[in-house]
Amino acid sequence: MKHVLVLSTLYPNAAGPRFGTFVARSIEALAKRGNWRVTMVNPIGLPPLALGRYRPLADLPEVAEEGGVTVHRPRFTLIPRIGARRNAAAIARAVLPLAKRLHAETPFDLVDAQFFFPDGPAAATIARELRLPLSIKARGSDISFWGVQDFAKAQMLDAARAATGLLAVSRDLAGQMAAMGMDESKITVHYTGLDRDRFRPLEHTQLRRQLSGEMGFAMPDNAPLLACVGALIERKGQGIAIAALKDIPGARLVLIGKGEDEARLRALAASEGVAERVFFAGSLDHDVMPLILSAADVMVLPTVAEGLANAWVEALACGTPVVTTDVGGARELITCDTAGRLLAERTPEAVAEAVNAILNAPPPREAVAALTEGFSWEANAAALAEYYERLVGQA
């Protein structure tokens, strides 16, 4: 059995159980296949004084068995807000002694970074020291956000040159990587997976009534219900969705996620006169998410940039059409009116027009769900295993 060292700062833990769950599902599915042994290293950044929200992170065990995968959590020193330039080097210094010890005990065949920055440059240092092939995956904001910052871009391009192979979550993102200066011949598109047992159309006739009671937010059967899934940060566009409500008669909006923009969004809902029609659900367990998505008429995400959002795939799998911006891999999913609408403009008016068009002619939920038939974590893991084998064969 071959052995891969996976490095990912984006990974769920007891302090943040919803943080990077898509990385965990992919890696767990790979480990479950049985032809690759997986060791996960999830570096934890802590400031010199680990207070407030950092305290629970400091208390995490340094090694644990989670979902059939051994997860190591070495600590590195993080300088909040201003330390990004040095994070990759700090991660490499923290991880390298552990990686060398584990490699001596049970040798690795490959080093893999699950996010391009800061994981990619850190993994490049580790792979070089261990003399192993290297893979780096791009997911979206690592390219669209970090890729336009000179110091990060330079580190990422150096890592890309050192890599044996590169992954992108969509064809569009692969094109962005090539435009940055990465070797296009190294890039393989690797689509996300999907928990098909959870994310499917749920036809429970009392679904909205049940959710209304549990969440304390009215979701009447005779009113449009919109869901917006994403961290509450300005670039995700929840404010645009809130402002669109005044032109979508009677619609309710459920915001799923947490983030620094919550106070501004609450104030916006009040100033727009729609506060009673907007519900801040916070982070939801994966058992609840399919219920909300199945109960919704439309999933709305007027985002600035994405690679290929898992929320798009999960909504479609529940039979719920998507209204989103024409960014990233959206065109690879929203290929027809059955799937939803792509926004030509990122405005409340455009969102309202697209949502109303769907509400006026809703597609059959089973037809929407059928568009995601090719997505599963098993298929994702199979493609990843085949790609890993190819990289090891090139070494």
Protein backbone atom coordinates (compact mmCIF):
# COMPACT_ATOMS: atom_id res chain seq x y z
CA MET A 1 0.00 0.00 0.00
CA LYS A 2 1.38 3.40 -0.99
CA HIS A 3 1.51 6.19 1.59
CA VAL A 4 0.66 9.88 1.14
CA LEU A 5 1.42 12.73 3.51
CA VAL A 6 -1.45 15.22 3.14
CA LEU A 7 -0.96 18.76 4.41
CA SER A 8 -4.04 20.92 4.92
CA THR A 9 -4.64 23.99 7.09
CA LEU A 10 -8.26 23.65 5.96
CA TYR A 11 -9.62 20.71 7.98
CA PRO A 12 -12.38 20.21 10.55
CA ASN A 13 -11.60 19.87 14.24
CA ALA A 14 -13.48 19.92 17.54
CA ALA A 15 -13.19 23.73 17.72
CA GLY A 16 -14.38 24.17 14.10
CA PRO A 17 -16.28 21.03 13.03
CA ARG A 18 -17.58 22.61 9.78
CA PHE A 19 -14.21 24.05 8.72
CA GLY A 20 -13.01 22.31 5.55
CA THR A 21 -15.34 19.31 5.79
CA PHE A 22 -15.04 18.79 2.03
CA VAL A 23 -11.30 18.15 2.46
CA ALA A 24 -12.01 15.60 5.19
CA ARG A 25 -14.66 13.77 3.13
CA SER A 26 -12.29 13.50 0.16
CA ILE A 27 -9.37 12.22 2.23
CA GLU A 28 -11.57 9.81 4.22
CA ALA A 29 -12.98 8.38 0.99
CA LEU A 30 -9.44 7.91 -0.33
CA ALA A 31 -8.37 6.10 2.85
CA LYS A 32 -11.48 3.90 2.70
CA ARG A 33 -10.48 2.60 -0.75
CA GLY A 34 -7.63 0.67 0.85
CA ASN A 35 -4.93 1.20 -1.79
CA TRP A 36 -3.49 4.38 -0.25
CA ARG A 37 -2.50 4.85 3.36
CA VAL A 38 -3.23 8.45 4.36
CA THR A 39 -1.51 10.52 7.04
CA MET A 40 -3.09 13.94 7.51
CA VAL A 41 -1.11 16.87 8.91
CA ASN A 42 -3.40 19.76 9.90
CA PRO A 43 -1.14 22.58 11.16
CA ILE A 44 -2.74 24.78 13.80
CA GLY A 45 -1.73 28.44 13.81
CA LEU A 46 -1.64 30.06 17.24
CA PRO A 47 -0.57 33.59 18.23
CA PRO A 48 2.06 33.99 20.98
CA LEU A 49 -0.82 34.33 23.47
CA ALA A 50 -3.56 31.85 22.59
CA LEU A 51 -6.54 33.68 24.06
CA GLY A 52 -10.18 34.13 23.02
CA ARG A 53 -11.12 32.15 19.93
CA TYR A 54 -7.63 30.62 19.79
CA ARG A 55 -7.95 28.93 23.21
CA PRO A 56 -10.03 25.96 21.95
CA LEU A 57 -7.48 25.43 19.14
CA ALA A 58 -4.63 25.33 21.64
CA ASP A 59 -6.47 22.58 23.53
CA LEU A 60 -6.80 20.23 20.53
CA PRO A 61 -4.93 16.90 20.84
CA GLU A 62 -1.77 16.77 18.74
CA VAL A 63 -2.73 13.43 17.18
CA ALA A 64 -6.12 11.75 16.75
CA GLU A 65 -7.92 9.10 14.69
CA GLU A 66 -10.75 10.76 12.79
CA GLY A 67 -12.90 9.17 10.11
CA GLY A 68 -10.39 6.37 9.54
CA VAL A 69 -7.50 8.81 9.11
CA THR A 70 -4.63 9.60 11.50
CA VAL A 71 -4.58 13.39 11.95
CA HIS A 72 -1.53 15.19 13.36
CA ARG A 73 -1.90 18.81 14.50
CA PRO A 74 1.49 20.44 15.05
CA ARG A 75 1.40 24.09 16.14
CA PHE A 76 3.02 27.00 14.36
CA THR A 77 3.26 30.63 15.43
CA LEU A 78 0.66 32.80 13.73
CA ILE A 79 0.68 36.59 13.72
CA PRO A 80 -2.99 37.45 13.05
CA ARG A 81 -3.77 39.73 10.08
CA ILE A 82 -0.14 40.73 9.34
CA GLY A 83 1.75 37.44 9.35
CA ALA A 84 0.57 35.87 6.08
CA ARG A 85 3.92 36.46 4.35
CA ARG A 86 5.71 34.13 6.76
CA ASN A 87 3.01 31.49 7.36
CA ALA A 88 4.24 28.99 4.77
CA ALA A 89 7.78 29.04 6.18
CA ALA A 90 6.45 28.78 9.74
CA ILE A 91 4.30 25.78 8.79
CA ALA A 92 7.23 24.05 7.10
CA ARG A 93 9.44 24.54 10.18
CA ALA A 94 6.74 23.14 12.45
CA VAL A 95 5.86 20.15 10.26
CA LEU A 96 9.27 19.05 8.96
CA PRO A 97 10.52 17.29 12.14
CA LEU A 98 7.22 15.39 12.37
CA ALA A 99 7.30 14.53 8.65
CA LYS A 100 10.88 13.22 8.89
CA ARG A 101 10.01 11.05 11.90
CA LEU A 102 6.89 9.61 10.26
CA HIS A 103 8.78 9.06 6.99
CA ALA A 104 11.46 7.08 8.86
CA GLU A 105 8.80 4.91 10.52
CA THR A 106 6.58 4.26 7.47
CA PRO A 107 7.98 5.89 4.32
CA PHE A 108 5.82 8.23 2.28
CA ASP A 109 5.53 8.00 -1.51
CA LEU A 110 4.03 11.45 -2.08
CA VAL A 111 3.41 14.82 -0.39
CA ASP A 112 0.08 16.51 -1.11
CA ALA A 113 -1.12 20.04 -0.24
CA GLN A 114 -4.90 20.50 -0.21
CA PHE A 115 -4.86 24.29 -0.53
CA PHE A 116 -2.47 26.40 -2.56
CA PHE A 117 -1.59 29.03 0.03
CA PRO A 118 -0.01 28.75 2.52
CA ASP A 119 -0.12 24.95 2.27
CA GLY A 120 1.49 24.67 -1.17
CA PRO A 121 4.78 26.48 -0.47
CA ALA A 122 5.07 24.71 2.90
CA ALA A 123 4.50 21.32 1.27
CA ALA A 124 7.09 22.15 -1.39
CA THR A 125 9.74 22.59 1.31
CA ILE A 126 8.75 19.30 2.95
CA ALA A 127 8.71 17.37 -0.34
CA ARG A 128 12.13 18.75 -1.25
CA GLU A 129 13.59 17.70 2.12
CA LEU A 130 12.06 14.21 1.86
CA ARG A 131 12.92 13.95 -1.88
CA LEU A 132 9.37 13.03 -2.78
CA PRO A 133 6.96 13.98 -5.60
CA LEU A 134 4.59 16.82 -4.78
CA SER A 135 0.96 17.60 -5.57
CA ILE A 136 -0.79 20.91 -4.81
CA LYS A 137 -4.52 21.56 -5.12
CA ALA A 138 -6.17 24.91 -5.90
CA ARG A 139 -9.71 25.45 -4.63
CA GLY A 140 -10.66 29.03 -5.51
CA SER A 141 -9.84 31.81 -3.06
CA ASP A 142 -6.26 30.59 -2.84
CA ILE A 143 -5.95 31.69 -6.48
CA SER A 144 -8.44 34.58 -6.69
CA PHE A 145 -7.43 36.17 -3.35
CA TRP A 146 -3.84 35.19 -2.63
CA GLY A 147 -2.85 34.97 -6.28
CA VAL A 148 -3.12 38.75 -6.71
CA GLN A 149 -0.86 39.53 -3.75
CA ASP A 150 2.72 39.75 -4.93
CA PHE A 151 4.43 37.96 -2.04
CA ALA A 152 1.94 35.07 -2.07
CA LYS A 153 1.94 34.79 -5.85
CA ALA A 154 5.75 34.51 -5.90
CA GLN A 155 5.67 31.75 -3.27
CA MET A 156 2.87 29.92 -5.10
CA LEU A 157 4.64 30.04 -8.47
CA ASP A 158 7.84 28.69 -6.90
CA ALA A 159 5.84 25.85 -5.36
CA ALA A 160 4.05 25.16 -8.66
CA ARG A 161 7.40 24.85 -10.44
CA ALA A 162 8.57 22.35 -7.81
CA ALA A 163 5.35 20.32 -7.99
CA THR A 164 5.06 17.09 -9.94
CA GLY A 165 1.35 17.73 -10.48
CA LEU A 166 -1.32 20.32 -9.76
CA LEU A 167 -5.06 19.96 -9.16
CA ALA A 168 -7.88 22.44 -9.81
CA VAL A 169 -11.52 22.08 -8.72
CA SER A 170 -12.83 23.38 -12.05
CA ARG A 171 -11.75 23.98 -15.64
CA ASP A 172 -12.13 27.71 -15.08
CA LEU A 173 -9.75 27.60 -12.11
CA ALA A 174 -7.25 25.60 -14.14
CA GLY A 175 -7.31 28.42 -16.69
CA GLN A 176 -6.70 31.00 -13.95
CA MET A 177 -3.72 29.01 -12.72
CA ALA A 178 -2.24 28.86 -16.20
CA ALA A 179 -2.82 32.61 -16.62
CA MET A 180 -0.84 33.16 -13.40
CA GLY A 181 2.13 31.43 -15.00
CA MET A 182 1.70 27.83 -13.84
CA ASP A 183 2.55 24.99 -16.22
CA GLU A 184 -0.75 24.02 -17.84
CA SER A 185 0.55 20.53 -18.65
CA LYS A 186 0.81 19.79 -14.91
CA ILE A 187 -2.82 20.72 -14.12
CA THR A 188 -5.56 18.10 -13.69
CA VAL A 189 -9.19 19.06 -13.02
CA HIS A 190 -10.50 17.26 -9.93
CA TYR A 191 -14.16 17.92 -9.18
CA THR A 192 -15.55 17.88 -5.66
CA GLY A 193 -17.54 14.99 -4.24
CA LEU A 194 -21.00 14.65 -2.75
CA ASP A 195 -22.57 12.67 0.08
CA ARG A 196 -25.33 11.16 -1.99
CA ASP A 197 -27.06 9.53 0.99
CA ARG A 198 -27.63 12.93 2.61
CA PHE A 199 -27.98 15.32 -0.31
CA ARG A 200 -31.04 14.24 -2.31
CA PRO A 201 -34.55 15.64 -2.76
CA LEU A 202 -36.55 15.14 0.43
CA GLU A 203 -40.29 15.25 -0.22
CA HIS A 204 -41.50 15.30 3.40
CA THR A 205 -44.80 17.18 3.24
CA GLN A 206 -44.27 18.69 6.70
CA LEU A 207 -40.62 19.65 6.09
CA ARG A 208 -41.06 23.42 6.33
CA ARG A 209 -43.35 23.15 9.33
CA GLN A 210 -40.82 20.93 11.10
CA LEU A 211 -37.95 23.31 10.34
CA SER A 212 -40.00 26.34 11.38
CA GLY A 213 -40.61 24.77 14.77
CA GLU A 214 -37.03 23.67 15.32
CA MET A 215 -35.40 26.91 14.15
CA GLY A 216 -37.96 29.44 15.34
CA PHE A 217 -38.34 31.03 11.91
CA ALA A 218 -41.55 30.99 9.89
CA MET A 219 -41.23 29.08 6.61
CA PRO A 220 -44.81 28.93 5.31
CA ASP A 221 -45.58 26.60 2.42
CA ASN A 222 -47.17 29.45 0.45
CA ALA A 223 -44.12 31.76 0.54
CA PRO A 224 -40.90 31.46 -1.49
CA LEU A 225 -37.97 30.16 0.56
CA LEU A 226 -34.40 31.07 -0.42
CA ALA A 227 -31.24 29.56 1.09
CA CYS A 228 -27.80 31.13 0.96
CA VAL A 229 -24.88 28.90 2.00
CA GLY A 230 -21.47 30.43 2.69
CA ALA A 231 -19.32 32.17 5.26
CA LEU A 232 -20.74 35.56 6.24
CA ILE A 233 -18.05 37.61 4.54
CA GLU A 234 -18.63 40.47 2.14
CA ARG A 235 -17.35 38.72 -0.99
CA LYS A 236 -20.00 35.97 -0.69
CA GLY A 237 -22.72 38.54 -1.41
CA GLN A 238 -25.34 37.85 1.24
CA GLY A 239 -26.02 41.59 1.37
CA ILE A 240 -27.08 41.51 -2.28
CA ALA A 241 -29.46 38.63 -1.56
CA ILE A 242 -30.96 40.54 1.38
CA ALA A 243 -31.47 43.68 -0.71
CA ALA A 244 -33.15 41.58 -3.43
CA LEU A 245 -35.93 40.45 -1.07
CA LYS A 246 -37.96 43.65 -1.51
CA ASP A 247 -38.51 42.64 -5.16
CA ILE A 248 -39.36 38.98 -4.39
CA PRO A 249 -42.84 39.17 -2.84
CA GLY A 250 -43.14 37.37 0.50
CA ALA A 251 -39.84 35.53 0.17
CA ARG A 252 -37.94 34.30 3.23
CA LEU A 253 -34.14 34.01 3.23
CA VAL A 254 -32.12 31.61 5.39
CA LEU A 255 -28.42 32.46 5.69
CA ILE A 256 -26.34 29.39 6.56
CA GLY A 257 -22.86 30.19 7.83
CA LYS A 258 -20.96 32.36 10.27
CA GLY A 259 -18.55 35.22 9.74
CA GLU A 260 -17.35 38.72 10.44
CA ASP A 261 -20.03 40.34 8.25
CA GLU A 262 -23.00 39.23 10.38
CA ALA A 263 -23.53 42.52 12.23
CA ARG A 264 -23.50 44.51 8.99
CA LEU A 265 -25.92 42.07 7.35
CA ARG A 266 -28.34 42.26 10.28
CA ALA A 267 -28.26 46.05 10.10
CA LEU A 268 -28.84 45.90 6.33
CA ALA A 269 -31.86 43.61 6.74
CA ALA A 270 -33.31 46.11 9.23
CA SER A 271 -32.65 49.14 7.02
CA GLU A 272 -34.19 47.37 4.00
CA GLY A 273 -37.29 46.60 6.05
CA VAL A 274 -36.93 42.82 5.65
CA ALA A 275 -35.45 41.81 9.02
CA GLU A 276 -38.41 39.57 9.85
CA ARG A 277 -37.88 37.72 6.54
CA VAL A 278 -34.17 36.94 7.09
CA PHE A 279 -32.95 34.17 9.40
CA PHE A 280 -29.33 33.77 10.48
CA ALA A 281 -28.99 30.02 10.97
CA GLY A 282 -25.26 29.94 11.76
CA SER A 283 -23.29 26.79 10.97
CA LEU A 284 -25.50 23.76 10.46
CA ASP A 285 -24.75 20.09 10.81
CA HIS A 286 -24.64 18.12 7.58
CA ASP A 287 -27.80 16.27 8.69
CA VAL A 288 -29.74 19.55 8.78
CA MET A 289 -28.31 21.15 5.62
CA PRO A 290 -30.14 18.79 3.20
CA LEU A 291 -33.42 19.55 4.99
CA ILE A 292 -33.00 23.29 4.44
CA LEU A 293 -31.87 22.88 0.83
CA SER A 294 -34.75 20.50 0.06
CA ALA A 295 -37.25 22.87 1.66
CA ALA A 296 -35.91 25.85 -0.31
CA ASP A 297 -37.18 26.93 -3.71
CA VAL A 298 -33.85 28.49 -4.76
CA MET A 299 -30.27 28.57 -3.44
CA VAL A 300 -28.80 32.06 -3.90
CA LEU A 301 -25.07 32.87 -3.79
CA PRO A 302 -24.08 36.22 -5.43
CA THR A 303 -20.39 35.56 -4.78
CA VAL A 304 -17.38 37.50 -6.08
CA ALA A 305 -15.28 34.41 -6.81
CA GLU A 306 -15.37 30.64 -6.39
CA GLY A 307 -13.51 27.62 -7.64
CA LEU A 308 -16.46 25.26 -7.72
CA ALA A 309 -18.62 25.78 -4.62
CA ASN A 310 -19.69 22.62 -2.80
CA ALA A 311 -22.88 24.50 -1.90
CA TRP A 312 -23.81 24.66 -5.60
CA VAL A 313 -23.46 20.89 -5.97
CA GLU A 314 -25.28 20.11 -2.71
CA ALA A 315 -28.21 22.38 -3.57
CA LEU A 316 -28.64 20.86 -7.02
CA ALA A 317 -28.44 17.36 -5.53
CA CYS A 318 -31.39 18.29 -3.28
CA GLY A 319 -33.35 19.34 -6.36
CA THR A 320 -32.96 23.05 -5.68
CA PRO A 321 -31.95 25.32 -8.59
CA VAL A 322 -29.12 27.79 -8.03
CA VAL A 323 -28.85 31.52 -8.71
CA THR A 324 -25.21 32.55 -8.61
CA THR A 325 -22.66 34.79 -10.22
CA ASP A 326 -21.02 33.78 -13.49
CA VAL A 327 -17.68 33.06 -11.80
CA GLY A 328 -15.32 30.13 -11.40
CA GLY A 329 -16.78 26.78 -12.34
CA ALA A 330 -20.41 27.96 -12.20
CA ARG A 331 -20.82 27.46 -15.97
CA GLU A 332 -19.65 23.86 -15.52
CA LEU A 333 -22.70 23.21 -13.29
CA ILE A 334 -25.36 25.75 -14.27
CA THR A 335 -25.59 24.59 -17.87
CA CYS A 336 -29.35 25.07 -18.43
CA ASP A 337 -32.40 26.72 -16.90
CA THR A 338 -33.20 23.49 -15.04
CA ALA A 339 -30.04 24.06 -12.96
CA GLY A 340 -30.81 27.74 -12.28
CA ARG A 341 -29.53 31.07 -13.53
CA LEU A 342 -26.14 32.78 -13.87
CA LEU A 343 -26.12 36.47 -13.00
CA ALA A 344 -24.78 38.80 -15.67
CA GLU A 345 -24.64 41.53 -13.02
CA ARG A 346 -23.99 41.21 -9.30
CA THR A 347 -26.91 43.39 -8.19
CA PRO A 348 -30.07 42.95 -6.10
CA GLU A 349 -32.16 43.63 -9.20
CA ALA A 350 -30.44 40.85 -11.15
CA VAL A 351 -30.86 38.42 -8.25
CA ALA A 352 -34.56 39.25 -7.91
CA GLU A 353 -35.15 38.85 -11.65
CA ALA A 354 -33.41 35.45 -11.72
CA VAL A 355 -35.17 34.15 -8.61
CA ASN A 356 -38.59 35.30 -9.83
CA ALA A 357 -38.00 33.60 -13.19
CA ILE A 358 -37.41 30.29 -11.41
CA LEU A 359 -40.36 30.77 -9.03
CA ASN A 360 -42.63 31.44 -12.01
CA ALA A 361 -41.56 28.22 -13.78
CA PRO A 362 -39.97 25.87 -11.21
CA PRO A 363 -38.16 22.89 -12.73
CA PRO A 364 -38.98 19.36 -11.49
CA ARG A 365 -36.81 18.63 -8.45
CA GLU A 366 -35.80 15.18 -9.71
CA ALA A 367 -34.61 16.74 -12.99
CA VAL A 368 -32.47 19.22 -11.06
CA ALA A 369 -31.00 16.46 -8.87
CA ALA A 370 -30.18 14.35 -11.93
CA LEU A 371 -27.66 16.99 -13.01
CA THR A 372 -25.32 15.88 -10.19
CA GLU A 373 -25.33 12.16 -10.98
CA GLY A 374 -21.57 12.21 -11.66
CA PHE A 375 -20.69 13.59 -8.23
CA SER A 376 -19.84 11.37 -5.27
CA TRP A 377 -17.01 11.10 -2.76
CA GLU A 378 -16.28 7.62 -4.12
CA ALA A 379 -15.75 9.03 -7.62
CA ASN A 380 -13.68 11.88 -6.19
CA ALA A 381 -11.45 9.42 -4.31
CA ALA A 382 -11.07 7.13 -7.31
CA ALA A 383 -9.92 10.04 -9.47
CA LEU A 384 -7.53 11.20 -6.75
CA ALA A 385 -6.02 7.72 -6.33
CA GLU A 386 -5.48 7.42 -10.10
CA TYR A 387 -3.82 10.85 -10.19
CA TYR A 388 -1.54 10.00 -7.24
CA GLU A 389 -0.48 6.77 -8.97
CA ARG A 390 0.45 8.74 -12.05
CA LEU A 391 2.59 11.19 -10.07
CA VAL A 392 4.44 8.41 -8.24
CA GLY A 393 5.02 6.69 -11.56
CA GLN A 394 6.63 9.88 -12.93
CA ALA A 395 9.02 10.21 -9.97
